[in-house]
Amino acid sequence: SLDNTDYNNKEFVIEDIDGRWIGF
């Protein structure tokens, strides 16, 4: 879920139908 990372990004991550993790 949407959060601030330890590398200073505000992001969330989804998993697509093929199992890929994609960050936004």
PDB file of all heavy atoms in Angstrom:
ATOM      1  N   SER A   1       0.830  -1.202   0.000  1.00  0.00           N
ATOM      2  CA  SER A   1       0.000   0.000   0.000  1.00  0.00           C
ATOM      3  C   SER A   1       0.859   1.246   0.000  1.00  0.00           C
ATOM      4  O   SER A   1       2.036   1.212   0.371  1.00  0.00           O
ATOM      5  CB  SER A   1      -0.911   0.007   1.228  1.00  0.00           C
ATOM      6  OG  SER A   1      -1.816  -1.064   1.156  1.00  0.00           O
ATOM      7  N   LEU A   2       0.242   2.339  -0.375  1.00  0.00           N
ATOM      8  CA  LEU A   2       0.931   3.620  -0.466  1.00  0.00           C
ATOM      9  C   LEU A   2       1.650   3.956   0.830  1.00  0.00           C
ATOM     10  O   LEU A   2       1.064   3.900   1.909  1.00  0.00           O
ATOM     11  CB  LEU A   2      -0.082   4.722  -0.801  1.00  0.00           C
ATOM     12  CG  LEU A   2       0.492   6.094  -1.098  1.00  0.00           C
ATOM     13  CD1 LEU A   2       1.427   6.045  -2.306  1.00  0.00           C
ATOM     14  CD2 LEU A   2      -0.639   7.082  -1.345  1.00  0.00           C
ATOM     15  N   ASP A   3       2.929   4.274   0.695  1.00  0.00           N
ATOM     16  CA  ASP A   3       3.759   4.572   1.856  1.00  0.00           C
ATOM     17  C   ASP A   3       4.995   5.341   1.383  1.00  0.00           C
ATOM     18  O   ASP A   3       5.305   5.366   0.191  1.00  0.00           O
ATOM     19  CB  ASP A   3       4.189   3.264   2.533  1.00  0.00           C
ATOM     20  CG  ASP A   3       4.626   3.459   3.980  1.00  0.00           C
ATOM     21  OD1 ASP A   3       4.481   4.576   4.520  1.00  0.00           O
ATOM     22  OD2 ASP A   3       5.124   2.485   4.579  1.00  0.00           O
ATOM     23  N   ASN A   4       5.704   5.935   2.332  1.00  0.00           N
ATOM     24  CA  ASN A   4       6.993   6.547   2.040  1.00  0.00           C
ATOM     25  C   ASN A   4       8.079   5.514   2.314  1.00  0.00           C
ATOM     26  O   ASN A   4       8.111   4.913   3.391  1.00  0.00           O
ATOM     27  CB  ASN A   4       7.209   7.792   2.901  1.00  0.00           C
ATOM     28  CG  ASN A   4       6.296   8.927   2.487  1.00  0.00           C
ATOM     29  OD1 ASN A   4       6.017   9.120   1.312  1.00  0.00           O
ATOM     30  ND2 ASN A   4       5.812   9.676   3.452  1.00  0.00           N
ATOM     31  N   THR A   5       8.952   5.311   1.353  1.00  0.00           N
ATOM     32  CA  THR A   5       9.986   4.288   1.461  1.00  0.00           C
ATOM     33  C   THR A   5      11.222   4.825   2.181  1.00  0.00           C
ATOM     34  O   THR A   5      11.372   6.031   2.359  1.00  0.00           O
ATOM     35  CB  THR A   5      10.417   3.807   0.071  1.00  0.00           C
ATOM     36  OG1 THR A   5      11.081   4.885  -0.596  1.00  0.00           O
ATOM     37  CG2 THR A   5       9.226   3.328  -0.748  1.00  0.00           C
ATOM     38  N   ASP A   6      12.127   3.927   2.531  1.00  0.00           N
ATOM     39  CA  ASP A   6      13.380   4.334   3.154  1.00  0.00           C
ATOM     40  C   ASP A   6      14.345   4.955   2.146  1.00  0.00           C
ATOM     41  O   ASP A   6      15.391   5.459   2.514  1.00  0.00           O
ATOM     42  CB  ASP A   6      14.034   3.162   3.899  1.00  0.00           C
ATOM     43  CG  ASP A   6      14.334   1.969   3.014  1.00  0.00           C
ATOM     44  OD1 ASP A   6      13.938   1.963   1.815  1.00  0.00           O
ATOM     45  OD2 ASP A   6      14.958   1.017   3.515  1.00  0.00           O
ATOM     46  N   TYR A   7      14.005   4.949   0.865  1.00  0.00           N
ATOM     47  CA  TYR A   7      14.811   5.626  -0.153  1.00  0.00           C
ATOM     48  C   TYR A   7      14.097   6.874  -0.675  1.00  0.00           C
ATOM     49  O   TYR A   7      14.384   7.367  -1.757  1.00  0.00           O
ATOM     50  CB  TYR A   7      15.215   4.683  -1.295  1.00  0.00           C
ATOM     51  CG  TYR A   7      14.098   3.804  -1.830  1.00  0.00           C
ATOM     52  CD1 TYR A   7      13.276   4.232  -2.866  1.00  0.00           C
ATOM     53  CD2 TYR A   7      13.888   2.551  -1.284  1.00  0.00           C
ATOM     54  CE1 TYR A   7      12.270   3.428  -3.342  1.00  0.00           C
ATOM     55  CE2 TYR A   7      12.875   1.735  -1.770  1.00  0.00           C
ATOM     56  CZ  TYR A   7      12.064   2.177  -2.803  1.00  0.00           C
ATOM     57  OH  TYR A   7      11.055   1.370  -3.276  1.00  0.00           O
ATOM     58  N   ASN A   8      13.150   7.366   0.129  1.00  0.00           N
ATOM     59  CA  ASN A   8      12.521   8.672  -0.078  1.00  0.00           C
ATOM     60  C   ASN A   8      11.585   8.732  -1.282  1.00  0.00           C
ATOM     61  O   ASN A   8      11.507   9.758  -1.960  1.00  0.00           O
ATOM     62  CB  ASN A   8      13.582   9.773  -0.159  1.00  0.00           C
ATOM     63  CG  ASN A   8      13.133  11.030   0.540  1.00  0.00           C
ATOM     64  OD1 ASN A   8      12.304  10.984   1.440  1.00  0.00           O
ATOM     65  ND2 ASN A   8      13.670  12.160   0.126  1.00  0.00           N
ATOM     66  N   ASN A   9      10.883   7.654  -1.565  1.00  0.00           N
ATOM     67  CA  ASN A   9       9.840   7.651  -2.576  1.00  0.00           C
ATOM     68  C   ASN A   9       8.495   7.454  -1.900  1.00  0.00           C
ATOM     69  O   ASN A   9       8.397   6.742  -0.900  1.00  0.00           O
ATOM     70  CB  ASN A   9      10.027   6.516  -3.585  1.00  0.00           C
ATOM     71  CG  ASN A   9      11.057   6.826  -4.632  1.00  0.00           C
ATOM     72  OD1 ASN A   9      11.798   7.793  -4.522  1.00  0.00           O
ATOM     73  ND2 ASN A   9      11.114   5.999  -5.648  1.00  0.00           N
ATOM     74  N   LYS A  10       7.468   8.079  -2.451  1.00  0.00           N
ATOM     75  CA  LYS A  10       6.087   7.837  -2.052  1.00  0.00           C
ATOM     76  C   LYS A  10       5.527   6.913  -3.125  1.00  0.00           C
ATOM     77  O   LYS A  10       5.452   7.305  -4.303  1.00  0.00           O
ATOM     78  CB  LYS A  10       5.306   9.150  -1.996  1.00  0.00           C
ATOM     79  CG  LYS A  10       3.863   8.992  -1.577  1.00  0.00           C
ATOM     80  CD  LYS A  10       3.178  10.357  -1.512  1.00  0.00           C
ATOM     81  CE  LYS A  10       1.724  10.208  -1.125  1.00  0.00           C
ATOM     82  NZ  LYS A  10       1.041  11.520  -1.151  1.00  0.00           N
ATOM     83  N   GLU A  11       5.195   5.668  -2.735  1.00  0.00           N
ATOM     84  CA  GLU A  11       4.840   4.692  -3.756  1.00  0.00           C
ATOM     85  C   GLU A  11       3.918   3.600  -3.227  1.00  0.00           C
ATOM     86  O   GLU A  11       3.788   3.403  -2.018  1.00  0.00           O
ATOM     87  CB  GLU A  11       6.096   4.041  -4.340  1.00  0.00           C
ATOM     88  CG  GLU A  11       6.829   3.153  -3.348  1.00  0.00           C
ATOM     89  CD  GLU A  11       8.124   2.572  -3.885  1.00  0.00           C
ATOM     90  OE1 GLU A  11       8.819   3.254  -4.671  1.00  0.00           O
ATOM     91  OE2 GLU A  11       8.445   1.441  -3.511  1.00  0.00           O
ATOM     92  N   PHE A  12       3.293   2.908  -4.181  1.00  0.00           N
ATOM     93  CA  PHE A  12       2.576   1.671  -3.904  1.00  0.00           C
ATOM     94  C   PHE A  12       2.932   0.676  -4.999  1.00  0.00           C
ATOM     95  O   PHE A  12       3.485   1.052  -6.039  1.00  0.00           O
ATOM     96  CB  PHE A  12       1.053   1.897  -3.794  1.00  0.00           C
ATOM     97  CG  PHE A  12       0.362   2.231  -5.085  1.00  0.00           C
ATOM     98  CD1 PHE A  12      -0.234   1.233  -5.854  1.00  0.00           C
ATOM     99  CD2 PHE A  12       0.281   3.542  -5.532  1.00  0.00           C
ATOM    100  CE1 PHE A  12      -0.890   1.549  -7.042  1.00  0.00           C
ATOM    101  CE2 PHE A  12      -0.369   3.867  -6.706  1.00  0.00           C
ATOM    102  CZ  PHE A  12      -0.959   2.864  -7.471  1.00  0.00           C
ATOM    103  N   VAL A  13       2.647  -0.598  -4.754  1.00  0.00           N
ATOM    104  CA  VAL A  13       3.057  -1.652  -5.680  1.00  0.00           C
ATOM    105  C   VAL A  13       1.881  -2.573  -5.946  1.00  0.00           C
ATOM    106  O   VAL A  13       1.173  -2.984  -5.023  1.00  0.00           O
ATOM    107  CB  VAL A  13       4.239  -2.466  -5.094  1.00  0.00           C
ATOM    108  CG1 VAL A  13       4.698  -3.539  -6.078  1.00  0.00           C
ATOM    109  CG2 VAL A  13       5.392  -1.547  -4.716  1.00  0.00           C
ATOM    110  N   ILE A  14       1.688  -2.908  -7.222  1.00  0.00           N
ATOM    111  CA  ILE A  14       0.647  -3.862  -7.605  1.00  0.00           C
ATOM    112  C   ILE A  14       1.297  -5.121  -8.175  1.00  0.00           C
ATOM    113  O   ILE A  14       2.477  -5.125  -8.534  1.00  0.00           O
ATOM    114  CB  ILE A  14      -0.338  -3.259  -8.630  1.00  0.00           C
ATOM    115  CG1 ILE A  14       0.338  -2.955  -9.980  1.00  0.00           C
ATOM    116  CG2 ILE A  14      -0.990  -2.005  -8.097  1.00  0.00           C
ATOM    117  CD1 ILE A  14       0.043  -3.951 -11.059  1.00  0.00           C
ATOM    118  N   GLU A  15       0.497  -6.177  -8.242  1.00  0.00           N
ATOM    119  CA  GLU A  15       0.930  -7.390  -8.938  1.00  0.00           C
ATOM    120  C   GLU A  15       0.023  -7.580 -10.139  1.00  0.00           C
ATOM    121  O   GLU A  15      -1.203  -7.599  -9.998  1.00  0.00           O
ATOM    122  CB  GLU A  15       0.850  -8.604  -8.021  1.00  0.00           C
ATOM    123  CG  GLU A  15       1.372  -9.875  -8.664  1.00  0.00           C
ATOM    124  CD  GLU A  15       1.407 -11.045  -7.706  1.00  0.00           C
ATOM    125  OE1 GLU A  15       1.952 -10.898  -6.598  1.00  0.00           O
ATOM    126  OE2 GLU A  15       0.874 -12.122  -8.084  1.00  0.00           O
ATOM    127  N   ASP A  16       0.611  -7.714 -11.321  1.00  0.00           N
ATOM    128  CA  ASP A  16      -0.214  -7.874 -12.518  1.00  0.00           C
ATOM    129  C   ASP A  16      -0.603  -9.338 -12.712  1.00  0.00           C
ATOM    130  O   ASP A  16      -0.242 -10.208 -11.919  1.00  0.00           O
ATOM    131  CB  ASP A  16       0.461  -7.251 -13.744  1.00  0.00           C
ATOM    132  CG  ASP A  16       1.530  -8.107 -14.399  1.00  0.00           C
ATOM    133  OD1 ASP A  16       1.841  -9.217 -13.923  1.00  0.00           O
ATOM    134  OD2 ASP A  16       2.086  -7.647 -15.428  1.00  0.00           O
ATOM    135  N   ILE A  17      -1.321  -9.602 -13.768  1.00  0.00           N
ATOM    136  CA  ILE A  17      -1.869 -10.935 -14.032  1.00  0.00           C
ATOM    137  C   ILE A  17      -0.783 -11.988 -14.246  1.00  0.00           C
ATOM    138  O   ILE A  17      -1.004 -13.174 -14.042  1.00  0.00           O
ATOM    139  CB  ILE A  17      -2.836 -10.877 -15.236  1.00  0.00           C
ATOM    140  CG1 ILE A  17      -3.654 -12.152 -15.343  1.00  0.00           C
ATOM    141  CG2 ILE A  17      -2.082 -10.556 -16.514  1.00  0.00           C
ATOM    142  CD1 ILE A  17      -4.801 -12.062 -16.317  1.00  0.00           C
ATOM    143  N   ASP A  18       0.426 -11.556 -14.626  1.00  0.00           N
ATOM    144  CA  ASP A  18       1.534 -12.478 -14.857  1.00  0.00           C
ATOM    145  C   ASP A  18       2.476 -12.588 -13.658  1.00  0.00           C
ATOM    146  O   ASP A  18       3.500 -13.249 -13.738  1.00  0.00           O
ATOM    147  CB  ASP A  18       2.339 -12.036 -16.084  1.00  0.00           C
ATOM    148  CG  ASP A  18       1.521 -12.113 -17.369  1.00  0.00           C
ATOM    149  OD1 ASP A  18       0.816 -13.118 -17.572  1.00  0.00           O
ATOM    150  OD2 ASP A  18       1.592 -11.158 -18.171  1.00  0.00           O
ATOM    151  N   GLY A  19       2.130 -11.914 -12.548  1.00  0.00           N
ATOM    152  CA  GLY A  19       2.958 -11.986 -11.344  1.00  0.00           C
ATOM    153  C   GLY A  19       4.018 -10.911 -11.226  1.00  0.00           C
ATOM    154  O   GLY A  19       4.797 -10.910 -10.269  1.00  0.00           O
ATOM    155  N   ARG A  20       4.076  -9.988 -12.183  1.00  0.00           N
ATOM    156  CA  ARG A  20       5.052  -8.900 -12.091  1.00  0.00           C
ATOM    157  C   ARG A  20       4.655  -7.938 -10.989  1.00  0.00           C
ATOM    158  O   ARG A  20       3.484  -7.630 -10.815  1.00  0.00           O
ATOM    159  CB  ARG A  20       5.093  -8.102 -13.391  1.00  0.00           C
ATOM    160  CG  ARG A  20       5.720  -8.786 -14.536  1.00  0.00           C
ATOM    161  CD  ARG A  20       5.712  -7.862 -15.770  1.00  0.00           C
ATOM    162  NE  ARG A  20       5.863  -8.667 -16.952  1.00  0.00           N
ATOM    163  CZ  ARG A  20       4.861  -9.256 -17.596  1.00  0.00           C
ATOM    164  NH1 ARG A  20       3.623  -9.107 -17.205  1.00  0.00           N
ATOM    165  NH2 ARG A  20       5.109  -9.996 -18.649  1.00  0.00           N
ATOM    166  N   TRP A  21       5.637  -7.421 -10.254  1.00  0.00           N
ATOM    167  CA  TRP A  21       5.406  -6.348  -9.291  1.00  0.00           C
ATOM    168  C   TRP A  21       5.773  -5.040  -9.974  1.00  0.00           C
ATOM    169  O   TRP A  21       6.897  -4.882 -10.472  1.00  0.00           O
ATOM    170  CB  TRP A  21       6.231  -6.550  -8.034  1.00  0.00           C
ATOM    171  CG  TRP A  21       5.621  -7.529  -7.082  1.00  0.00           C
ATOM    172  CD1 TRP A  21       4.614  -8.430  -7.344  1.00  0.00           C
ATOM    173  CD2 TRP A  21       5.976  -7.714  -5.722  1.00  0.00           C
ATOM    174  NE1 TRP A  21       4.328  -9.160  -6.217  1.00  0.00           N
ATOM    175  CE2 TRP A  21       5.146  -8.736  -5.209  1.00  0.00           C
ATOM    176  CE3 TRP A  21       6.906  -7.115  -4.890  1.00  0.00           C
ATOM    177  CZ2 TRP A  21       5.226  -9.170  -3.891  1.00  0.00           C
ATOM    178  CZ3 TRP A  21       6.988  -7.551  -3.580  1.00  0.00           C
ATOM    179  CH2 TRP A  21       6.151  -8.568  -3.086  1.00  0.00           C
ATOM    180  N   ILE A  22       4.812  -4.115  -9.967  1.00  0.00           N
ATOM    181  CA  ILE A  22       5.000  -2.820 -10.616  1.00  0.00           C
ATOM    182  C   ILE A  22       4.802  -1.723  -9.590  1.00  0.00           C
ATOM    183  O   ILE A  22       3.757  -1.664  -8.921  1.00  0.00           O
ATOM    184  CB  ILE A  22       4.020  -2.638 -11.790  1.00  0.00           C
ATOM    185  CG1 ILE A  22       4.214  -3.774 -12.789  1.00  0.00           C
ATOM    186  CG2 ILE A  22       4.223  -1.273 -12.438  1.00  0.00           C
ATOM    187  CD1 ILE A  22       3.160  -3.837 -13.868  1.00  0.00           C
ATOM    188  N   GLY A  23       5.823  -0.870  -9.425  1.00  0.00           N
ATOM    189  CA  GLY A  23       5.761   0.249  -8.506  1.00  0.00           C
ATOM    190  C   GLY A  23       5.217   1.486  -9.188  1.00  0.00           C
ATOM    191  O   GLY A  23       5.487   1.725 -10.368  1.00  0.00           O
ATOM    192  N   PHE A  24       4.438   2.249  -8.434  1.00  0.00           N
ATOM    193  CA  PHE A  24       3.904   3.539  -8.893  1.00  0.00           C
ATOM    194  C   PHE A  24       4.271   4.563  -7.853  1.00  0.00           C
ATOM    195  O   PHE A  24       3.808   4.480  -6.701  1.00  0.00           O
ATOM    196  CB  PHE A  24       2.377   3.482  -9.051  1.00  0.00           C
ATOM    197  CG  PHE A  24       1.919   2.547 -10.125  1.00  0.00           C
ATOM    198  CD1 PHE A  24       1.741   1.187  -9.852  1.00  0.00           C
ATOM    199  CD2 PHE A  24       1.671   3.006 -11.412  1.00  0.00           C
ATOM    200  CE1 PHE A  24       1.316   0.318 -10.845  1.00  0.00           C
ATOM    201  CE2 PHE A  24       1.249   2.144 -12.403  1.00  0.00           C
ATOM    202  CZ  PHE A  24       1.072   0.790 -12.123  1.00  0.00           C
TER     203      PHE A  24
END
